[in-house]
N, C-alpha and C. Protein backbone atom coordinates (compact mmCIF):
# COMPACT_ATOMS: atom_id res chain seq x y z
N UNK A 1 -0.35 17.56 -9.70
CA UNK A 1 -1.40 16.57 -9.95
C UNK A 1 -2.56 17.29 -10.65
N UNK A 2 -3.00 16.68 -11.69
CA UNK A 2 -4.11 17.25 -12.46
C UNK A 2 -5.44 16.95 -11.78
N UNK A 3 -6.43 17.78 -12.08
CA UNK A 3 -7.77 17.61 -11.51
C UNK A 3 -8.36 16.26 -11.94
N UNK A 4 -8.05 15.85 -13.15
CA UNK A 4 -8.55 14.56 -13.66
C UNK A 4 -7.99 13.40 -12.82
N UNK A 5 -6.74 13.52 -12.42
CA UNK A 5 -6.12 12.49 -11.58
C UNK A 5 -6.81 12.40 -10.22
N UNK A 6 -7.15 13.56 -9.69
CA UNK A 6 -7.85 13.60 -8.40
C UNK A 6 -9.22 12.94 -8.51
N UNK A 7 -9.93 13.26 -9.58
CA UNK A 7 -11.26 12.68 -9.80
C UNK A 7 -11.16 11.17 -9.95
N UNK A 8 -10.20 10.71 -10.73
CA UNK A 8 -10.01 9.27 -10.92
C UNK A 8 -9.66 8.59 -9.60
N UNK A 9 -8.81 9.24 -8.82
CA UNK A 9 -8.43 8.69 -7.51
C UNK A 9 -9.63 8.55 -6.59
N UNK A 10 -10.50 9.54 -6.61
CA UNK A 10 -11.71 9.46 -5.78
C UNK A 10 -12.62 8.35 -6.24
N UNK A 11 -12.74 8.17 -7.55
CA UNK A 11 -13.57 7.08 -8.08
C UNK A 11 -13.02 5.73 -7.64
N UNK A 12 -11.70 5.58 -7.77
CA UNK A 12 -11.06 4.33 -7.34
C UNK A 12 -11.31 4.08 -5.86
N UNK A 13 -11.19 5.12 -5.05
CA UNK A 13 -11.37 4.98 -3.61
C UNK A 13 -12.80 4.57 -3.29
N UNK A 14 -13.77 5.15 -3.96
CA UNK A 14 -15.18 4.80 -3.73
C UNK A 14 -15.45 3.34 -4.07
N UNK A 15 -14.88 2.87 -5.18
CA UNK A 15 -15.02 1.46 -5.55
C UNK A 15 -14.38 0.58 -4.48
N UNK A 16 -13.23 0.99 -4.03
CA UNK A 16 -12.52 0.24 -2.99
C UNK A 16 -13.36 0.15 -1.71
N UNK A 17 -13.90 1.29 -1.27
CA UNK A 17 -14.72 1.33 -0.05
C UNK A 17 -15.95 0.44 -0.21
N UNK A 18 -16.54 0.42 -1.40
CA UNK A 18 -17.70 -0.43 -1.64
C UNK A 18 -17.32 -1.91 -1.51
N UNK A 19 -16.14 -2.27 -1.98
CA UNK A 19 -15.68 -3.66 -1.84
C UNK A 19 -15.50 -4.03 -0.38
N UNK A 20 -14.94 -3.10 0.40
CA UNK A 20 -14.75 -3.36 1.83
C UNK A 20 -16.11 -3.55 2.50
N UNK A 21 -17.07 -2.71 2.17
CA UNK A 21 -18.40 -2.80 2.78
C UNK A 21 -19.13 -4.08 2.40
N UNK A 22 -18.73 -4.70 1.30
CA UNK A 22 -19.35 -5.96 0.87
C UNK A 22 -18.79 -7.16 1.63
N UNK A 23 -17.69 -6.98 2.34
CA UNK A 23 -17.11 -8.07 3.13
C UNK A 23 -17.97 -8.35 4.36
N UNK A 24 -17.87 -9.57 4.91
CA UNK A 24 -18.56 -9.85 6.18
C UNK A 24 -18.05 -8.91 7.27
N UNK A 25 -18.87 -8.71 8.29
CA UNK A 25 -18.58 -7.73 9.34
C UNK A 25 -17.23 -7.96 10.01
N UNK A 26 -16.89 -9.22 10.32
CA UNK A 26 -15.61 -9.47 10.99
C UNK A 26 -14.43 -9.06 10.10
N UNK A 27 -14.55 -9.30 8.82
CA UNK A 27 -13.51 -8.88 7.88
C UNK A 27 -13.43 -7.36 7.81
N UNK A 28 -14.58 -6.69 7.81
CA UNK A 28 -14.59 -5.23 7.77
C UNK A 28 -13.88 -4.64 8.98
N UNK A 29 -14.14 -5.21 10.14
CA UNK A 29 -13.53 -4.71 11.38
C UNK A 29 -12.01 -4.84 11.30
N UNK A 30 -11.54 -6.00 10.91
CA UNK A 30 -10.09 -6.23 10.83
C UNK A 30 -9.49 -5.36 9.73
N UNK A 31 -10.18 -5.24 8.60
CA UNK A 31 -9.68 -4.38 7.52
C UNK A 31 -9.49 -2.94 8.02
N UNK A 32 -10.48 -2.42 8.73
CA UNK A 32 -10.40 -1.04 9.23
C UNK A 32 -9.21 -0.87 10.18
N UNK A 33 -8.96 -1.88 11.01
CA UNK A 33 -7.82 -1.82 11.92
C UNK A 33 -6.50 -1.85 11.14
N UNK A 34 -6.45 -2.67 10.09
CA UNK A 34 -5.25 -2.72 9.25
C UNK A 34 -5.05 -1.38 8.57
N UNK A 35 -6.12 -0.82 8.05
CA UNK A 35 -6.05 0.47 7.38
C UNK A 35 -5.52 1.55 8.34
N UNK A 36 -6.07 1.58 9.55
CA UNK A 36 -5.60 2.55 10.55
C UNK A 36 -4.11 2.35 10.84
N UNK A 37 -3.73 1.11 11.02
CA UNK A 37 -2.34 0.79 11.32
C UNK A 37 -1.42 1.26 10.20
N UNK A 38 -1.78 0.95 8.96
CA UNK A 38 -0.94 1.32 7.83
C UNK A 38 -0.90 2.83 7.63
N UNK A 39 -2.02 3.51 7.86
CA UNK A 39 -2.02 4.96 7.73
C UNK A 39 -1.18 5.61 8.83
N UNK A 40 -1.14 4.98 9.98
CA UNK A 40 -0.36 5.53 11.09
C UNK A 40 1.13 5.24 10.92
N UNK A 41 1.46 4.00 10.63
CA UNK A 41 2.86 3.59 10.49
C UNK A 41 3.41 4.06 9.15
N UNK A 42 2.60 3.92 8.12
CA UNK A 42 2.85 4.47 6.81
C UNK A 42 4.10 4.09 6.08
N UNK A 43 4.02 3.16 5.18
CA UNK A 43 5.16 2.91 4.29
C UNK A 43 5.33 4.11 3.36
N UNK A 44 6.47 4.79 3.42
CA UNK A 44 6.67 6.03 2.68
C UNK A 44 6.97 5.81 1.20
N UNK A 45 7.52 4.67 0.87
CA UNK A 45 7.87 4.42 -0.53
C UNK A 45 6.67 3.98 -1.36
N UNK A 46 5.58 3.76 -0.72
CA UNK A 46 4.38 3.32 -1.43
C UNK A 46 3.84 4.49 -2.23
N UNK A 47 3.94 4.41 -3.54
CA UNK A 47 3.49 5.52 -4.37
C UNK A 47 1.97 5.53 -4.48
N UNK A 48 1.38 4.38 -4.39
CA UNK A 48 -0.07 4.30 -4.51
C UNK A 48 -0.60 3.34 -3.46
N UNK A 49 -0.98 3.88 -2.30
CA UNK A 49 -1.44 3.06 -1.19
C UNK A 49 -2.67 2.23 -1.51
N UNK A 50 -3.45 2.66 -2.48
CA UNK A 50 -4.66 1.91 -2.85
C UNK A 50 -4.29 0.52 -3.35
N UNK A 51 -3.12 0.37 -3.98
CA UNK A 51 -2.70 -0.95 -4.46
C UNK A 51 -2.54 -1.93 -3.30
N UNK A 52 -1.88 -1.50 -2.25
CA UNK A 52 -1.69 -2.35 -1.07
C UNK A 52 -3.04 -2.68 -0.44
N UNK A 53 -3.86 -1.66 -0.26
CA UNK A 53 -5.17 -1.88 0.36
C UNK A 53 -6.07 -2.75 -0.51
N UNK A 54 -6.02 -2.56 -1.82
CA UNK A 54 -6.80 -3.41 -2.72
C UNK A 54 -6.32 -4.85 -2.67
N UNK A 55 -5.01 -5.01 -2.53
CA UNK A 55 -4.46 -6.36 -2.41
C UNK A 55 -4.97 -7.06 -1.15
N UNK A 56 -5.10 -6.29 -0.07
CA UNK A 56 -5.64 -6.85 1.17
C UNK A 56 -7.10 -7.25 0.97
N UNK A 57 -7.87 -6.40 0.29
CA UNK A 57 -9.27 -6.73 0.03
C UNK A 57 -9.36 -7.98 -0.85
N UNK A 58 -8.51 -8.08 -1.86
CA UNK A 58 -8.48 -9.29 -2.70
C UNK A 58 -8.23 -10.53 -1.83
N UNK A 59 -7.24 -10.42 -0.96
CA UNK A 59 -6.88 -11.51 -0.06
C UNK A 59 -8.06 -11.88 0.84
N UNK A 60 -8.73 -10.87 1.36
CA UNK A 60 -9.89 -11.11 2.22
C UNK A 60 -11.04 -11.74 1.42
N UNK A 61 -11.26 -11.28 0.22
CA UNK A 61 -12.34 -11.85 -0.61
C UNK A 61 -12.08 -13.33 -0.88
N UNK A 62 -10.82 -13.69 -1.08
CA UNK A 62 -10.46 -15.10 -1.26
C UNK A 62 -10.76 -15.89 0.01
N UNK A 63 -10.44 -15.32 1.16
CA UNK A 63 -10.72 -15.97 2.44
C UNK A 63 -12.21 -16.20 2.63
N UNK A 64 -13.01 -15.19 2.28
CA UNK A 64 -14.47 -15.32 2.38
C UNK A 64 -14.95 -16.43 1.45
N UNK A 65 -14.44 -16.44 0.22
CA UNK A 65 -14.84 -17.46 -0.76
C UNK A 65 -14.51 -18.87 -0.27
N UNK A 66 -13.44 -18.99 0.50
CA UNK A 66 -13.05 -20.31 1.04
C UNK A 66 -13.77 -20.64 2.34
N UNK A 67 -14.59 -19.71 2.81
CA UNK A 67 -15.34 -19.93 4.04
C UNK A 67 -14.51 -19.80 5.31
N UNK A 68 -13.41 -19.08 5.23
CA UNK A 68 -12.54 -18.91 6.40
C UNK A 68 -12.93 -17.67 7.19
N UNK A 69 -12.72 -17.72 8.49
CA UNK A 69 -12.87 -16.54 9.33
C UNK A 69 -11.68 -15.63 9.11
N UNK A 70 -11.84 -14.36 9.39
CA UNK A 70 -10.79 -13.39 9.10
C UNK A 70 -9.50 -13.70 9.86
N UNK A 71 -9.59 -14.17 11.09
CA UNK A 71 -8.37 -14.46 11.85
C UNK A 71 -7.69 -15.74 11.38
N UNK A 72 -8.40 -16.55 10.62
CA UNK A 72 -7.75 -17.69 9.98
C UNK A 72 -6.90 -17.20 8.81
N UNK A 73 -7.30 -16.08 8.24
CA UNK A 73 -6.59 -15.51 7.10
C UNK A 73 -5.39 -14.69 7.55
N UNK A 74 -5.59 -13.86 8.58
CA UNK A 74 -4.51 -12.96 9.03
C UNK A 74 -3.70 -13.51 10.19
N UNK A 75 -4.25 -14.47 10.90
CA UNK A 75 -3.74 -14.96 12.17
C UNK A 75 -4.20 -13.98 13.24
N UNK A 76 -4.08 -14.34 14.48
CA UNK A 76 -4.63 -13.51 15.56
C UNK A 76 -3.81 -12.26 15.82
N UNK A 77 -2.55 -12.24 15.40
CA UNK A 77 -1.71 -11.05 15.58
C UNK A 77 -1.77 -10.21 14.29
N UNK A 78 -2.77 -9.35 14.23
CA UNK A 78 -3.01 -8.57 13.02
C UNK A 78 -1.88 -7.57 12.80
N UNK A 79 -1.31 -7.02 13.86
CA UNK A 79 -0.19 -6.09 13.70
C UNK A 79 1.01 -6.79 13.05
N UNK A 80 1.27 -8.02 13.43
CA UNK A 80 2.36 -8.77 12.81
C UNK A 80 2.07 -9.03 11.33
N UNK A 81 0.80 -9.28 11.02
CA UNK A 81 0.37 -9.44 9.63
C UNK A 81 0.70 -8.17 8.85
N UNK A 82 0.37 -7.02 9.43
CA UNK A 82 0.65 -5.72 8.78
C UNK A 82 2.14 -5.50 8.62
N UNK A 83 2.89 -5.77 9.68
CA UNK A 83 4.33 -5.59 9.63
C UNK A 83 4.94 -6.44 8.53
N UNK A 84 4.43 -7.65 8.35
CA UNK A 84 4.93 -8.52 7.31
C UNK A 84 4.64 -7.94 5.93
N UNK A 85 3.50 -7.29 5.77
CA UNK A 85 3.14 -6.69 4.49
C UNK A 85 4.11 -5.58 4.09
N UNK A 86 4.60 -4.85 5.07
CA UNK A 86 5.45 -3.68 4.78
C UNK A 86 6.89 -3.87 5.24
N UNK A 87 7.28 -5.11 5.48
CA UNK A 87 8.60 -5.37 6.07
C UNK A 87 9.77 -4.83 5.25
N UNK A 88 9.62 -4.73 3.96
CA UNK A 88 10.72 -4.25 3.13
C UNK A 88 10.57 -2.77 2.76
N UNK A 89 9.61 -2.10 3.37
CA UNK A 89 9.35 -0.69 3.07
C UNK A 89 9.80 0.18 4.23
N UNK A 90 10.38 1.32 3.89
CA UNK A 90 10.72 2.29 4.92
C UNK A 90 9.43 2.96 5.35
N UNK A 91 9.25 3.10 6.66
CA UNK A 91 8.01 3.67 7.18
C UNK A 91 8.26 5.03 7.83
N UNK A 92 7.17 5.75 8.09
CA UNK A 92 7.29 7.01 8.80
C UNK A 92 7.84 6.78 10.20
N UNK A 93 7.54 5.63 10.78
CA UNK A 93 8.08 5.29 12.10
C UNK A 93 9.61 5.17 12.02
N UNK A 94 10.12 4.59 10.93
CA UNK A 94 11.57 4.48 10.74
C UNK A 94 12.21 5.86 10.64
N UNK A 95 11.57 6.75 9.89
CA UNK A 95 12.10 8.10 9.72
C UNK A 95 12.12 8.83 11.07
N UNK A 96 11.05 8.67 11.82
CA UNK A 96 10.99 9.30 13.14
C UNK A 96 12.09 8.76 14.04
N UNK A 97 12.28 7.45 14.03
CA UNK A 97 13.33 6.83 14.86
C UNK A 97 14.70 7.36 14.46
N UNK A 98 14.94 7.50 13.16
CA UNK A 98 16.23 8.03 12.70
C UNK A 98 16.44 9.46 13.19
N UNK A 99 15.38 10.28 13.14
CA UNK A 99 15.53 11.67 13.59
C UNK A 99 15.78 11.74 15.09
N UNK A 100 15.14 10.88 15.87
CA UNK A 100 15.38 10.83 17.31
C UNK A 100 16.82 10.41 17.58
N UNK A 101 17.28 9.39 16.88
CA UNK A 101 18.66 8.93 17.05
C UNK A 101 19.66 10.03 16.73
N UNK A 102 19.40 10.79 15.66
CA UNK A 102 20.29 11.89 15.29
C UNK A 102 20.33 12.96 16.38
N UNK A 103 19.18 13.29 16.92
CA UNK A 103 19.11 14.30 17.98
C UNK A 103 19.85 13.84 19.23
N UNK A 104 19.69 12.59 19.58
CA UNK A 104 20.40 12.04 20.74
C UNK A 104 21.91 12.07 20.49
N UNK A 105 22.32 11.68 19.30
CA UNK A 105 23.76 11.69 18.98
C UNK A 105 24.34 13.10 19.03
N UNK A 106 23.58 14.08 18.53
CA UNK A 106 24.03 15.48 18.60
C UNK A 106 24.18 15.93 20.05
N UNK A 107 23.18 15.60 20.85
CA UNK A 107 23.21 16.00 22.26
C UNK A 107 24.39 15.34 22.98
N UNK A 108 24.62 14.08 22.70
CA UNK A 108 25.73 13.37 23.35
C UNK A 108 27.07 13.96 22.92
N UNK A 109 27.18 14.35 21.66
CA UNK A 109 28.42 14.95 21.16
C UNK A 109 28.67 16.27 21.87
N UNK A 110 27.64 17.09 22.08
CA UNK A 110 27.78 18.35 22.78
C UNK A 110 28.24 18.12 24.23
N UNK A 111 27.67 17.10 24.86
CA UNK A 111 28.06 16.78 26.23
C UNK A 111 29.52 16.38 26.28
N UNK A 112 29.96 15.55 25.33
CA UNK A 112 31.36 15.11 25.28
C UNK A 112 32.29 16.29 25.04
N UNK A 113 31.88 17.19 24.12
CA UNK A 113 32.71 18.35 23.81
C UNK A 113 32.87 19.26 25.02
N UNK A 114 31.84 19.40 25.82
CA UNK A 114 31.89 20.27 27.00
C UNK A 114 32.77 19.67 28.10
N UNK A 115 32.86 18.35 28.14
CA UNK A 115 33.63 17.70 29.21
C UNK A 115 35.11 17.62 28.86
N UNK A 116 35.48 17.98 27.67
CA UNK A 116 36.90 17.91 27.28
C UNK A 116 37.68 19.05 27.83
């Protein structure tokens, strides 16, 4: 990654953060929770996470313009809202689950081999 790309990325992020801060407080709170959730669960195929987050801000800005409360936009189950956003993406949670399953399968195979 070139230094210019890093600088541009930081500029984009600052603009994004400014848009979030311009939202009403309830929207900001829910946005931050969504951001935390997505950073934790993490869709791995997402090459540019700012696109997803910017899309959420766009969606929220539309909700504000229509005079809706944030939970009218996302519904009260914000985690389900997030899951729906990334439903077709492989996540870090999926990768972790696969690695756990592989380890369990290896251990079970060793147990079976010893009992033969």
